[in-house]
């Protein structure tokens, strides 16, 4: 009752009975035959075209697939947030940050370079031009509207040029 732990009466059995694990390297001359192995649960799929052709979203690259693209951008933003926090911790003189990060200190310049690289990649993936290219690929209706707009501007240009002459 005095707050002590009761460890019981017996000894702990650590399994040190002297038995060894047989890894099959004893050189007793026994060779394992492949015919003795049960392979009934193994399913072999065909490769190449017989194995199937990727279609729709599966056929797209990581950055072309909308779902994986969003995941990559989210991860880059999270990494940027982490690096920003580490940069604050590295450049702070506060004792609370020293206790948290004393074992793995990073130089502020290194953290800044890493953060700049991550932010650069994220900004290139989210810039307006990239979003427009993604929309062009994903939406035939958007592409048709864009083509119609260009044709209208060409007609307007020809009309202005003919009125100048």
Protein backbone atom coordinates (compact mmCIF):
# COMPACT_ATOMS: atom_id res chain seq x y z
CA UNK A 1 0.00 0.00 0.00
CA UNK A 2 2.93 2.32 0.39
CA UNK A 3 2.95 3.09 -3.34
CA UNK A 4 5.38 0.30 -4.13
CA UNK A 5 5.16 -1.88 -7.21
CA UNK A 6 4.41 -5.58 -6.65
CA UNK A 7 6.69 -7.56 -8.97
CA UNK A 8 5.26 -10.93 -7.89
CA UNK A 9 7.01 -13.95 -6.47
CA UNK A 10 8.40 -15.89 -9.46
CA UNK A 11 11.27 -15.31 -11.81
CA UNK A 12 10.93 -13.83 -15.28
CA UNK A 13 11.48 -16.40 -18.06
CA UNK A 14 13.53 -14.78 -20.81
CA UNK A 15 13.50 -17.95 -22.94
CA UNK A 16 17.19 -18.70 -22.46
CA UNK A 17 16.65 -22.46 -22.69
CA UNK A 18 19.64 -22.93 -24.96
CA UNK A 19 17.56 -23.76 -28.05
CA UNK A 20 18.72 -22.15 -31.28
CA UNK A 21 16.88 -21.04 -34.37
CA UNK A 22 17.56 -23.17 -37.43
CA UNK A 23 18.15 -20.85 -40.37
CA UNK A 24 18.93 -23.73 -42.73
CA UNK A 25 22.60 -22.85 -42.95
CA UNK A 26 23.82 -25.84 -40.94
CA UNK A 27 25.17 -27.72 -43.94
CA UNK A 28 23.25 -30.89 -43.13
CA UNK A 29 22.86 -31.54 -46.86
CA UNK A 30 19.11 -30.89 -47.01
CA UNK A 31 18.21 -28.83 -50.07
CA UNK A 32 14.85 -27.14 -50.40
CA UNK A 33 13.16 -28.04 -53.68
CA UNK A 34 10.98 -25.43 -55.39
CA UNK A 35 8.37 -28.11 -56.14
CA UNK A 36 7.85 -28.49 -52.38
CA UNK A 37 6.70 -24.87 -52.02
CA UNK A 38 2.95 -24.17 -52.23
CA UNK A 39 2.48 -21.43 -54.85
CA UNK A 40 -1.28 -21.78 -55.28
CA UNK A 41 -1.97 -18.41 -53.61
CA UNK A 42 0.40 -16.49 -55.90
CA UNK A 43 -1.31 -14.67 -58.78
CA UNK A 44 0.84 -13.73 -61.75
CA UNK A 45 -0.40 -10.77 -63.75
CA UNK A 46 0.60 -10.15 -67.31
CA UNK A 47 2.91 -7.28 -68.12
CA UNK A 48 2.61 -4.70 -70.85
CA UNK A 49 -0.65 -4.47 -72.75
CA UNK A 50 -1.88 -7.86 -71.47
CA UNK A 51 -1.69 -6.49 -67.91
CA UNK A 52 -3.94 -3.62 -68.89
CA UNK A 53 -3.46 -0.09 -70.11
CA UNK A 54 -3.78 2.85 -67.76
CA UNK A 55 -6.85 4.89 -68.58
CA UNK A 56 -8.40 8.17 -67.45
CA UNK A 57 -6.88 9.50 -64.21
CA UNK A 58 -4.51 6.53 -63.90
CA UNK A 59 -2.82 7.40 -67.19
CA UNK A 60 -1.85 10.90 -66.04
CA UNK A 61 1.47 11.87 -64.52
CA UNK A 62 1.60 12.92 -60.86
CA UNK A 63 1.28 16.62 -61.64
CA UNK A 64 -1.35 16.12 -64.34
CA UNK A 65 -3.61 14.10 -62.07
CA UNK A 66 -5.71 16.66 -60.19
CA UNK A 67 -5.89 14.58 -56.98
CA UNK A 68 -2.14 13.95 -56.68
CA UNK A 69 -1.36 17.51 -57.76
CA UNK A 70 -3.45 18.90 -54.89
CA UNK A 71 -1.71 16.53 -52.46
CA UNK A 72 1.73 17.64 -53.67
CA UNK A 73 0.84 21.33 -53.38
CA UNK A 74 -0.61 20.78 -49.88
CA UNK A 75 2.57 18.97 -48.80
CA UNK A 76 4.74 21.78 -50.19
CA UNK A 77 2.69 24.36 -48.27
CA UNK A 78 3.00 22.31 -45.08
CA UNK A 79 6.75 22.00 -45.60
CA UNK A 80 6.99 25.76 -46.13
CA UNK A 81 5.13 26.32 -42.86
CA UNK A 82 7.47 23.93 -41.05
CA UNK A 83 10.57 25.61 -42.48
CA UNK A 84 9.19 29.05 -41.57
CA UNK A 85 8.70 27.89 -37.97
CA UNK A 86 12.21 26.42 -37.86
CA UNK A 87 13.59 29.69 -39.26
CA UNK A 88 11.84 31.62 -36.49
CA UNK A 89 13.22 29.18 -33.90
CA UNK A 90 16.75 29.36 -35.34
CA UNK A 91 16.81 33.14 -35.40
CA UNK A 92 15.19 33.61 -31.98
CA UNK A 93 17.18 34.33 -28.84
CA UNK A 94 14.40 33.00 -26.62
CA UNK A 95 15.29 30.23 -24.19
CA UNK A 96 12.12 28.25 -24.98
CA UNK A 97 13.23 27.79 -28.61
CA UNK A 98 16.75 26.86 -27.50
CA UNK A 99 15.42 24.01 -25.38
CA UNK A 100 13.24 22.65 -28.18
CA UNK A 101 15.80 22.76 -30.97
CA UNK A 102 19.15 22.54 -29.23
CA UNK A 103 20.01 19.06 -30.52
CA UNK A 104 19.36 19.77 -34.21
CA UNK A 105 20.32 23.34 -34.86
CA UNK A 106 20.18 24.54 -38.45
CA UNK A 107 21.84 27.61 -39.74
CA UNK A 108 19.35 30.38 -40.65
CA UNK A 109 20.86 30.79 -44.13
CA UNK A 110 20.36 27.09 -44.90
CA UNK A 111 16.78 27.21 -43.68
CA UNK A 112 16.14 30.36 -45.75
CA UNK A 113 17.52 28.66 -48.90
CA UNK A 114 15.36 25.59 -48.31
CA UNK A 115 12.28 27.74 -47.69
CA UNK A 116 12.93 29.81 -50.82
CA UNK A 117 13.25 26.64 -52.89
CA UNK A 118 10.02 25.15 -51.56
CA UNK A 119 8.11 28.42 -52.02
CA UNK A 120 9.52 28.76 -55.56
CA UNK A 121 8.29 25.31 -56.56
CA UNK A 122 4.88 25.88 -54.97
CA UNK A 123 4.46 29.25 -56.68
CA UNK A 124 5.36 27.77 -60.10
CA UNK A 125 2.79 25.01 -59.62
CA UNK A 126 0.04 27.45 -58.61
CA UNK A 127 0.70 30.38 -60.94
CA UNK A 128 -2.13 31.52 -63.23
CA UNK A 129 -0.47 30.24 -66.42
CA UNK A 130 -0.17 26.73 -64.97
CA UNK A 131 -3.79 26.78 -63.78
CA UNK A 132 -4.95 27.83 -67.24
CA UNK A 133 -2.96 25.03 -68.87
CA UNK A 134 -4.49 22.51 -66.47
CA UNK A 135 -7.98 23.84 -67.22
CA UNK A 136 -7.29 23.63 -70.97
CA UNK A 137 -6.34 19.99 -70.65
CA UNK A 138 -9.19 19.06 -68.31
CA UNK A 139 -12.07 20.97 -69.87
CA UNK A 140 -12.93 20.75 -73.59
CA UNK A 141 -15.71 23.32 -73.04
CA UNK A 142 -13.18 25.84 -71.68
CA UNK A 143 -10.94 25.15 -74.67
CA UNK A 144 -13.83 25.72 -77.08
CA UNK A 145 -14.72 29.04 -75.36
CA UNK A 146 -11.09 30.14 -75.58
CA UNK A 147 -10.92 29.27 -79.29
CA UNK A 148 -14.16 31.20 -79.92
CA UNK A 149 -12.73 34.21 -78.06
CA UNK A 150 -9.56 34.14 -80.19
CA UNK A 151 -11.58 33.87 -83.40
CA UNK A 152 -13.70 36.83 -82.32
CA UNK A 153 -10.55 38.87 -81.60
CA UNK A 154 -9.10 37.96 -85.01
CA UNK A 155 -12.31 39.09 -86.73
CA UNK A 156 -12.23 42.32 -84.73
CA UNK A 157 -8.57 42.86 -85.69
CA UNK A 158 -9.37 42.32 -89.38
CA UNK A 159 -12.31 44.70 -89.12
CA UNK A 160 -10.15 47.41 -87.53
CA UNK A 161 -7.39 46.92 -90.12
CA UNK A 162 -9.88 47.15 -93.00
CA UNK A 163 -11.38 50.32 -91.58
CA UNK A 164 -7.92 51.94 -91.33
CA UNK A 165 -7.22 51.32 -95.04
